[in-house]
Amino acid sequence: MSHDDFAARQGPWVPAGAVPVHVQPPTNGMAIAALVTGVMGLAVIPIVLGHLSLRDIRRRGQAGTGLAVTGLVLGYATLLGYLVLAAVVVGAIYVGVSAP
């Protein structure tokens, strides 16, 4: 094994005494907004923001995928809950109106 092979496996050259720093990409703002609006119980807004933020995260290499997905899950769960609630209310009205 030559010195060049060893150096290639060790990664980029770092000067003696330097501390390697891992720079984390910025978190996508729409992903944060998707999570916040999902926690607030809004249905459509976190769904839209979650999908838009996932697209931006892939394009720009940003962080926040977990936040966006969590906002999407909360948004879809809230939307499903609202639809079930609406079906129950409509059913109760129908039963109430059609009762003798």
C-alpha atoms as a PDB file:
ATOM      1  CA  MET A   1       0.000   0.000   0.000  1.00  0.00           C
ATOM      2  CA  SER A   2       1.452   3.297  -1.042  1.00  0.00           C
ATOM      3  CA  HIS A   3       1.243   6.538   0.875  1.00  0.00           C
ATOM      4  CA  ASP A   4      -1.228   7.947  -1.720  1.00  0.00           C
ATOM      5  CA  ASP A   5      -3.621   5.006  -1.214  1.00  0.00           C
ATOM      6  CA  PHE A   6      -3.517   5.533   2.546  1.00  0.00           C
ATOM      7  CA  ALA A   7      -4.142   9.276   2.195  1.00  0.00           C
ATOM      8  CA  ALA A   8      -7.035   8.703  -0.209  1.00  0.00           C
ATOM      9  CA  ARG A   9      -8.797   6.479   2.304  1.00  0.00           C
ATOM     10  CA  GLN A  10      -8.321   8.950   5.142  1.00  0.00           C
ATOM     11  CA  GLY A  11     -10.300  11.719   3.437  1.00  0.00           C
ATOM     12  CA  PRO A  12      -9.290  15.310   2.757  1.00  0.00           C
ATOM     13  CA  TRP A  13      -6.123  16.711   4.262  1.00  0.00           C
ATOM     14  CA  VAL A  14      -6.639  18.688   7.456  1.00  0.00           C
ATOM     15  CA  PRO A  15      -3.863  20.901   8.853  1.00  0.00           C
ATOM     16  CA  ALA A  16      -2.347  19.813  12.157  1.00  0.00           C
ATOM     17  CA  GLY A  17      -4.286  21.200  15.113  1.00  0.00           C
ATOM     18  CA  ALA A  18      -7.376  21.996  13.049  1.00  0.00           C
ATOM     19  CA  VAL A  19     -10.696  20.706  14.325  1.00  0.00           C
ATOM     20  CA  PRO A  20     -12.947  19.296  11.609  1.00  0.00           C
ATOM     21  CA  VAL A  21     -16.346  20.964  11.700  1.00  0.00           C
ATOM     22  CA  HIS A  22     -19.545  19.418  10.414  1.00  0.00           C
ATOM     23  CA  VAL A  23     -21.746  22.119   8.942  1.00  0.00           C
ATOM     24  CA  GLN A  24     -25.408  21.185   9.078  1.00  0.00           C
ATOM     25  CA  PRO A  25     -27.562  22.471   6.226  1.00  0.00           C
ATOM     26  CA  PRO A  26     -30.245  24.982   7.182  1.00  0.00           C
ATOM     27  CA  THR A  27     -33.684  23.697   8.145  1.00  0.00           C
ATOM     28  CA  ASN A  28     -36.418  24.421   5.632  1.00  0.00           C
ATOM     29  CA  GLY A  29     -38.804  27.075   6.972  1.00  0.00           C
ATOM     30  CA  MET A  30     -41.855  25.596   5.279  1.00  0.00           C
ATOM     31  CA  ALA A  31     -41.167  22.263   7.014  1.00  0.00           C
ATOM     32  CA  ILE A  32     -41.258  24.041  10.367  1.00  0.00           C
ATOM     33  CA  ALA A  33     -44.487  25.798   9.358  1.00  0.00           C
ATOM     34  CA  ALA A  34     -46.001  22.470   8.256  1.00  0.00           C
ATOM     35  CA  LEU A  35     -45.266  20.974  11.666  1.00  0.00           C
ATOM     36  CA  VAL A  36     -46.609  23.985  13.573  1.00  0.00           C
ATOM     37  CA  THR A  37     -49.829  24.200  11.552  1.00  0.00           C
ATOM     38  CA  GLY A  38     -50.264  20.429  11.838  1.00  0.00           C
ATOM     39  CA  VAL A  39     -50.016  20.632  15.621  1.00  0.00           C
ATOM     40  CA  MET A  40     -52.519  23.510  15.582  1.00  0.00           C
ATOM     41  CA  GLY A  41     -55.108  21.234  13.971  1.00  0.00           C
ATOM     42  CA  LEU A  42     -55.286  22.894  10.598  1.00  0.00           C
ATOM     43  CA  ALA A  43     -55.883  20.327   7.879  1.00  0.00           C
ATOM     44  CA  VAL A  44     -55.109  21.648   4.416  1.00  0.00           C
ATOM     45  CA  ILE A  45     -52.309  24.105   5.223  1.00  0.00           C
ATOM     46  CA  PRO A  46     -49.831  21.541   6.675  1.00  0.00           C
ATOM     47  CA  ILE A  47     -50.533  19.204   3.759  1.00  0.00           C
ATOM     48  CA  VAL A  48     -49.681  21.894   1.205  1.00  0.00           C
ATOM     49  CA  LEU A  49     -46.680  23.176   3.162  1.00  0.00           C
ATOM     50  CA  GLY A  50     -45.411  19.649   3.793  1.00  0.00           C
ATOM     51  CA  HIS A  51     -45.419  18.698   0.119  1.00  0.00           C
ATOM     52  CA  LEU A  52     -43.862  21.997  -0.955  1.00  0.00           C
ATOM     53  CA  SER A  53     -41.165  21.760   1.701  1.00  0.00           C
ATOM     54  CA  LEU A  54     -40.255  18.176   0.753  1.00  0.00           C
ATOM     55  CA  ARG A  55     -39.753  19.349  -2.832  1.00  0.00           C
ATOM     56  CA  ASP A  56     -37.555  22.247  -1.670  1.00  0.00           C
ATOM     57  CA  ILE A  57     -35.577  20.020   0.690  1.00  0.00           C
ATOM     58  CA  ARG A  58     -34.723  17.634  -2.150  1.00  0.00           C
ATOM     59  CA  ARG A  59     -33.815  20.465  -4.540  1.00  0.00           C
ATOM     60  CA  ARG A  60     -31.755  22.546  -2.117  1.00  0.00           C
ATOM     61  CA  GLY A  61     -30.272  19.838   0.095  1.00  0.00           C
ATOM     62  CA  GLN A  62     -31.774  21.326   3.253  1.00  0.00           C
ATOM     63  CA  ALA A  63     -32.650  19.684   6.542  1.00  0.00           C
ATOM     64  CA  GLY A  64     -36.188  19.236   7.842  1.00  0.00           C
ATOM     65  CA  THR A  65     -37.500  16.097   6.163  1.00  0.00           C
ATOM     66  CA  GLY A  66     -38.789  14.715   9.472  1.00  0.00           C
ATOM     67  CA  LEU A  67     -40.567  17.960  10.281  1.00  0.00           C
ATOM     68  CA  ALA A  68     -42.247  18.034   6.870  1.00  0.00           C
ATOM     69  CA  VAL A  69     -43.349  14.401   7.067  1.00  0.00           C
ATOM     70  CA  THR A  70     -44.690  14.882  10.593  1.00  0.00           C
ATOM     71  CA  GLY A  71     -46.638  17.941   9.428  1.00  0.00           C
ATOM     72  CA  LEU A  72     -48.037  15.904   6.529  1.00  0.00           C
ATOM     73  CA  VAL A  73     -49.117  13.056   8.807  1.00  0.00           C
ATOM     74  CA  LEU A  74     -50.782  15.460  11.231  1.00  0.00           C
ATOM     75  CA  GLY A  75     -52.476  17.307   8.371  1.00  0.00           C
ATOM     76  CA  TYR A  76     -53.841  14.148   6.758  1.00  0.00           C
ATOM     77  CA  ALA A  77     -54.958  12.753  10.144  1.00  0.00           C
ATOM     78  CA  THR A  78     -56.733  16.011  10.955  1.00  0.00           C
ATOM     79  CA  LEU A  79     -58.388  16.072   7.537  1.00  0.00           C
ATOM     80  CA  LEU A  80     -59.580  12.508   8.032  1.00  0.00           C
ATOM     81  CA  GLY A  81     -60.931  13.426  11.477  1.00  0.00           C
ATOM     82  CA  TYR A  82     -62.811  16.402  10.061  1.00  0.00           C
ATOM     83  CA  LEU A  83     -64.311  14.230   7.302  1.00  0.00           C
ATOM     84  CA  VAL A  84     -65.449  11.611   9.834  1.00  0.00           C
ATOM     85  CA  LEU A  85     -66.919  14.353  12.025  1.00  0.00           C
ATOM     86  CA  ALA A  86     -68.768  15.845   9.050  1.00  0.00           C
ATOM     87  CA  ALA A  87     -70.161  12.410   8.126  1.00  0.00           C
ATOM     88  CA  VAL A  88     -71.392  11.890  11.689  1.00  0.00           C
ATOM     89  CA  VAL A  89     -73.038  15.324  11.788  1.00  0.00           C
ATOM     90  CA  VAL A  90     -74.703  14.819   8.404  1.00  0.00           C
ATOM     91  CA  GLY A  91     -75.885  11.362   9.497  1.00  0.00           C
ATOM     92  CA  ALA A  92     -77.286  12.713  12.745  1.00  0.00           C
ATOM     93  CA  ILE A  93     -79.116  15.487  10.912  1.00  0.00           C
ATOM     94  CA  TYR A  94     -80.502  12.982   8.420  1.00  0.00           C
ATOM     95  CA  VAL A  95     -81.709  10.676  11.208  1.00  0.00           C
ATOM     96  CA  GLY A  96     -83.177  13.626  13.108  1.00  0.00           C
ATOM     97  CA  VAL A  97     -85.040  14.967  10.088  1.00  0.00           C
ATOM     98  CA  SER A  98     -86.379  11.618   8.925  1.00  0.00           C
ATOM     99  CA  ALA A  99     -87.555  10.473  12.389  1.00  0.00           C
ATOM    100  CA  PRO A 100     -91.355  10.204  12.726  1.00  0.00           C
END
